[in-house]
Protein backbone atom coordinates (compact mmCIF):
# COMPACT_ATOMS: atom_id res chain seq x y z
CA MET A 1 -1.72 25.37 8.38
CA ALA A 2 1.46 23.66 7.20
CA SER A 3 2.21 23.67 3.48
CA HIS A 4 4.90 22.49 1.07
CA LEU A 5 6.11 23.93 -2.23
CA ILE A 6 6.24 21.17 -4.84
CA GLN A 7 7.20 22.02 -8.43
CA GLY A 8 6.02 25.61 -7.93
CA ARG A 9 2.67 24.56 -6.40
CA THR A 10 1.63 24.93 -2.79
CA VAL A 11 0.40 21.69 -1.22
CA SER A 12 -1.47 22.38 2.03
CA MET A 13 -1.84 19.88 4.85
CA PRO A 14 -3.69 17.67 5.33
CA VAL A 15 -3.60 16.27 1.81
CA ARG A 16 -6.95 14.94 0.63
CA VAL A 17 -7.93 12.30 -1.88
CA ARG A 18 -11.56 12.85 -2.83
CA ASP A 19 -12.02 9.75 -4.97
CA ALA A 20 -9.94 6.69 -5.76
CA SER A 21 -10.43 3.03 -6.64
CA VAL A 22 -8.39 0.57 -4.57
CA CYS A 23 -7.68 -3.13 -5.12
CA SER A 24 -5.57 -5.21 -2.75
CA ALA A 25 -4.58 -8.67 -1.61
CA MET A 26 -2.96 -9.79 1.64
CA TYR A 27 -0.53 -12.69 1.69
CA PRO A 28 0.83 -14.74 4.59
CA VAL A 29 4.63 -14.78 4.45
CA ARG A 30 7.40 -16.05 6.72
CA ALA A 31 8.03 -13.48 9.43
CA ASP A 32 11.80 -13.97 9.33
CA ALA A 33 11.87 -13.33 5.57
CA ALA A 34 9.70 -10.22 5.95
CA ARG A 35 11.94 -8.94 8.76
CA ALA A 36 14.95 -9.29 6.49
CA VAL A 37 13.21 -7.25 3.78
CA ILE A 38 12.36 -4.29 6.04
CA ALA A 39 15.38 -4.49 8.37
CA TYR A 40 16.67 -1.17 6.97
CA SER A 41 13.70 0.63 8.57
CA GLY A 42 14.35 -0.42 12.16
CA LEU A 43 10.72 -1.57 12.41
CA ASP A 44 9.39 -5.05 13.16
CA VAL A 45 6.64 -6.99 11.41
CA ALA A 46 3.49 -8.00 13.23
CA GLU A 47 3.04 -11.76 13.54
CA PHE A 48 -0.67 -12.53 13.17
CA LEU A 49 0.26 -16.17 13.79
CA PRO A 50 3.57 -17.44 15.23
CA GLY A 51 6.17 -17.11 12.50
CA LYS A 52 3.75 -15.54 10.01
CA ALA A 53 3.58 -11.93 8.82
CA ILE A 54 1.40 -10.22 6.22
CA CYS A 55 2.53 -8.67 2.95
CA ALA A 56 -0.06 -6.51 1.19
CA LEU A 57 -0.04 -5.79 -2.55
CA THR A 58 -2.24 -2.87 -3.57
CA PHE A 59 -2.99 -0.95 -6.74
CA VAL A 60 -4.82 2.37 -6.80
CA ASP A 61 -6.39 4.60 -9.42
CA TYR A 62 -6.38 8.14 -7.98
CA LEU A 63 -9.26 9.94 -9.69
CA ASP A 64 -9.54 13.22 -7.77
CA GLY A 65 -7.13 14.56 -5.19
CA ASP A 66 -4.69 17.25 -4.15
CA LEU A 67 -1.82 15.42 -5.90
CA ASP A 68 -3.69 15.11 -9.22
CA THR A 69 -4.66 11.90 -11.03
CA TYR A 70 -2.25 8.96 -11.20
CA HIS A 71 -1.78 5.22 -10.86
CA GLU A 72 0.07 3.61 -7.96
CA PHE A 73 1.19 0.15 -6.87
CA GLY A 74 2.29 -0.67 -3.36
CA VAL A 75 4.18 -3.36 -1.48
CA ALA A 76 3.56 -3.02 2.26
CA PHE A 77 3.90 -5.01 5.48
CA LEU A 78 1.81 -4.96 8.63
CA ILE A 79 4.09 -3.98 11.51
CA ARG A 80 4.06 -3.57 15.25
CA PRO A 81 3.83 0.20 15.84
CA PRO A 82 6.86 1.51 17.71
CA GLY A 83 6.27 1.29 21.45
CA SER A 84 3.61 -1.41 21.22
CA THR A 85 3.95 -4.73 23.01
CA GLY A 86 3.14 -7.97 21.26
CA SER A 87 1.56 -8.50 17.85
CA PRO A 88 -2.13 -8.29 16.94
CA GLY A 89 -3.93 -11.48 16.10
CA LEU A 90 -5.70 -12.08 12.83
CA GLY A 91 -8.94 -10.71 14.23
CA ASP A 92 -7.56 -7.30 15.26
CA LEU A 93 -5.12 -6.36 12.50
CA ARG A 94 -6.30 -2.75 12.64
CA GLN A 95 -4.05 -2.40 15.67
CA ALA A 96 -1.08 -2.89 13.39
CA GLY A 97 0.75 -0.18 11.48
CA VAL A 98 1.44 -0.32 7.76
CA PHE A 99 5.03 0.01 6.55
CA ILE A 100 5.26 1.14 2.91
CA HIS A 101 8.21 -0.71 1.40
CA TRP A 102 7.86 0.08 -2.34
CA LEU A 103 5.48 2.55 -3.97
CA PRO A 104 5.87 3.12 -7.71
CA VAL A 105 3.69 5.76 -9.39
CA ASP A 106 3.32 6.92 -12.98
CA GLN A 107 3.34 10.74 -12.54
CA ARG A 108 6.17 13.04 -11.48
CA PHE A 109 4.23 15.51 -9.33
CA THR A 110 2.98 12.90 -6.89
CA LEU A 111 6.44 11.32 -6.96
CA GLU A 112 8.12 14.47 -5.72
CA ALA A 113 5.33 15.33 -3.28
CA GLY A 114 5.28 11.85 -1.75
CA ARG A 115 9.02 11.71 -1.24
CA THR A 116 9.37 15.30 0.00
CA ILE A 117 6.38 15.56 2.34
CA TRP A 118 6.23 12.06 3.88
CA GLY A 119 9.29 10.09 2.76
CA PHE A 120 7.18 7.63 0.77
CA PRO A 121 9.40 5.36 -1.38
CA LYS A 122 7.86 6.54 -4.64
CA GLU A 123 9.59 5.97 -7.96
CA LEU A 124 8.46 6.16 -11.55
CA ALA A 125 7.16 3.02 -13.25
CA ASP A 126 4.77 1.99 -15.99
CA ILE A 127 1.51 0.96 -14.29
CA GLU A 128 -1.32 -0.37 -16.44
CA LEU A 129 -4.69 -0.70 -14.72
CA ARG A 130 -7.69 -2.52 -16.15
CA LEU A 131 -10.62 -1.78 -13.86
CA ASP A 132 -13.64 -1.66 -16.16
CA SER A 133 -14.72 -5.28 -15.64
CA PRO A 134 -15.45 -7.31 -12.48
CA TYR A 135 -11.93 -8.77 -12.85
CA LYS A 136 -9.39 -6.10 -11.85
CA ARG A 137 -5.89 -6.25 -13.31
CA CYS A 138 -2.64 -4.39 -12.70
CA ILE A 139 0.58 -4.74 -14.72
CA VAL A 140 3.72 -3.05 -13.36
CA ARG A 141 6.88 -2.57 -15.40
CA LYS A 142 10.00 -0.80 -14.20
CA ASP A 143 12.97 0.05 -16.44
CA GLY A 144 11.41 -2.01 -19.21
CA ARG A 145 11.20 -5.15 -17.06
CA LEU A 146 8.05 -6.82 -15.80
CA VAL A 147 7.68 -6.63 -12.04
CA LEU A 148 4.25 -8.16 -11.61
CA ASP A 149 0.99 -8.97 -13.37
CA MET A 150 -1.84 -9.17 -10.81
CA LEU A 151 -5.47 -10.18 -11.31
CA LEU A 152 -8.21 -9.95 -8.68
CA LYS A 153 -11.39 -11.97 -9.00
CA PRO A 154 -14.71 -10.37 -7.97
CA GLY A 155 -15.71 -10.76 -4.35
CA VAL A 156 -18.96 -10.50 -2.38
CA PRO A 157 -20.41 -7.02 -1.74
CA LEU A 158 -20.11 -5.80 1.84
CA ILE A 159 -23.18 -3.91 3.05
CA GLY A 160 -22.94 -0.27 4.02
CA PRO A 161 -20.16 2.32 3.76
CA GLY A 162 -16.80 1.64 5.33
CA ALA A 163 -16.24 3.54 8.54
CA MET A 164 -13.59 6.22 8.71
CA MET A 165 -10.60 4.22 9.87
CA PRO A 166 -7.53 5.98 11.31
CA LEU A 167 -4.30 4.24 10.43
CA ASP A 168 -0.62 4.93 10.85
CA ALA A 169 1.52 4.48 7.78
CA PHE A 170 5.27 4.28 8.26
CA THR A 171 8.01 5.23 5.80
CA HIS A 172 11.79 5.21 5.72
CA GLN A 173 13.98 7.37 3.53
CA GLU A 174 17.66 8.31 3.79
CA GLY A 175 17.99 6.96 7.32
CA VAL A 176 14.83 8.61 8.67
CA THR A 177 11.74 6.66 9.72
CA ARG A 178 8.45 8.58 9.77
CA ARG A 179 4.92 8.03 10.98
CA VAL A 180 2.15 9.34 8.71
CA PRO A 181 -1.40 9.70 10.11
CA TRP A 182 -3.82 8.40 7.50
CA SER A 183 -7.59 8.01 7.44
CA VAL A 184 -9.70 6.10 4.92
CA GLN A 185 -13.40 5.90 4.13
CA ALA A 186 -14.68 3.34 1.61
CA ARG A 187 -17.84 2.76 -0.44
CA GLY A 188 -18.56 -0.12 -2.78
CA VAL A 189 -16.42 -2.73 -1.04
CA ARG A 190 -16.23 -6.31 -2.32
CA ALA A 191 -14.10 -8.96 -0.59
CA ARG A 192 -13.41 -12.69 -0.62
CA PRO A 193 -10.94 -15.28 0.65
CA GLY A 194 -8.12 -15.84 -1.82
CA GLY A 195 -9.17 -14.32 -5.12
CA ALA A 196 -5.80 -13.05 -6.36
CA LEU A 197 -3.56 -14.39 -9.11
CA ILE A 198 -0.08 -12.98 -9.65
CA ARG A 199 2.68 -13.58 -12.15
CA LEU A 200 6.14 -12.32 -11.26
CA GLY A 201 8.60 -10.94 -13.77
CA ASN A 202 12.39 -10.65 -13.75
CA HIS A 203 12.77 -7.32 -11.93
CA PRO A 204 14.65 -7.29 -8.57
CA VAL A 205 11.40 -6.47 -6.73
CA ALA A 206 9.83 -9.56 -8.29
CA LYS A 207 12.78 -11.60 -7.02
CA GLU A 208 12.24 -10.15 -3.54
CA LEU A 209 8.56 -11.12 -3.63
CA SER A 210 9.48 -14.64 -4.77
CA GLU A 211 11.85 -14.96 -1.81
CA LEU A 212 8.86 -14.17 0.43
CA GLY A 213 7.11 -17.18 -1.09
CA LEU A 214 4.93 -15.49 -3.72
CA PRO A 215 3.01 -16.39 -5.77
CA LYS A 216 0.78 -18.26 -3.35
CA ARG A 217 -2.85 -18.19 -2.25
CA ALA A 218 -3.86 -14.88 -0.72
CA LEU A 219 -5.49 -14.73 2.71
CA PHE A 220 -8.11 -12.48 1.18
CA SER A 221 -8.54 -9.84 -1.50
CA SER A 222 -10.75 -6.79 -1.84
CA THR A 223 -11.81 -4.13 -4.30
CA VAL A 224 -13.22 -0.73 -3.36
CA ALA A 225 -15.05 1.35 -5.95
CA HIS A 226 -14.78 4.68 -4.12
CA VAL A 227 -12.30 5.67 -1.43
CA THR A 228 -11.61 9.01 0.23
CA MET A 229 -8.37 9.52 2.16
CA THR A 230 -6.68 12.14 4.30
CA PHE A 231 -2.91 12.26 4.94
CA GLY A 232 -1.54 14.33 7.80
CA GLY A 233 1.95 15.64 8.27
CA ALA A 234 4.79 13.17 8.83
CA GLU A 235 6.35 12.73 12.27
CA ARG A 236 10.00 11.76 12.51
CA LEU A 237 10.66 8.84 14.85
C-alpha cells in the first residue's frame, strides 16, 4: 500500500474522508473565458451548451478524515477528460472531469498533504462557515482581503442516499497535470435551481470570478449533510 510522510505522519492510500458537509453551486460561464482561466493546465472545458461551460463553487466542512478537520473552499471547472471526444450535455455531466483551479484551506497539515500527494492547489486562507441554519454561508478572506461571501438558500430534500459516484479530479502544479481518482457517497442531499447569492471582494480571485460573469444566477445549488469520500493516488498525465 502506497504511503506518504507528511509533517512526520504517515498518510496511507487511499485517503478517506469519513464525514463532511458539502455545499455547492454551479454557474454557467462563457466557455472562452473559462478556457483562458485554465489554459495553464493544458486541459479543455466541457461545453454543456455551445459556448457555455460550468464553474462550480464549493465549500466543505471536513468533520472526520485522514487529513484531520478543516474548512475548504473550491473553484472548479467541468472539463473534457483527456482522450475523450466531444463534450457531455447538461443531462450527462457525470461524464465530465473536474479540474480544481483554486482550493484554499484553513489548516497546514491538509495544505501540505494536498499539494504533496495530489498536486491540489491548496493555500492558506481564512474560511468562515455558518452551517447551523437552513441557510448555509461561507466567507473567504485571503491576505486580509475579501474573496467571496456566499449564501445558499435551502433546497428540496432528495429521497434516498446518494450512490457511490466515481469521478476523476484533475490538478496542475509546477507544470505537471495529474488525474486523481475520487469517489463520493452522500446522505441528506437538498437541491434546487438557482438558490445561491454571492458577493465578490477585491482579491485577485474575486476579479477572476467577475471576469467569468459572476455574480449571476446559478444553474442549481445543493447542500449535503453527510458525505464520505475516497481519494486514490495521483496519476501524472
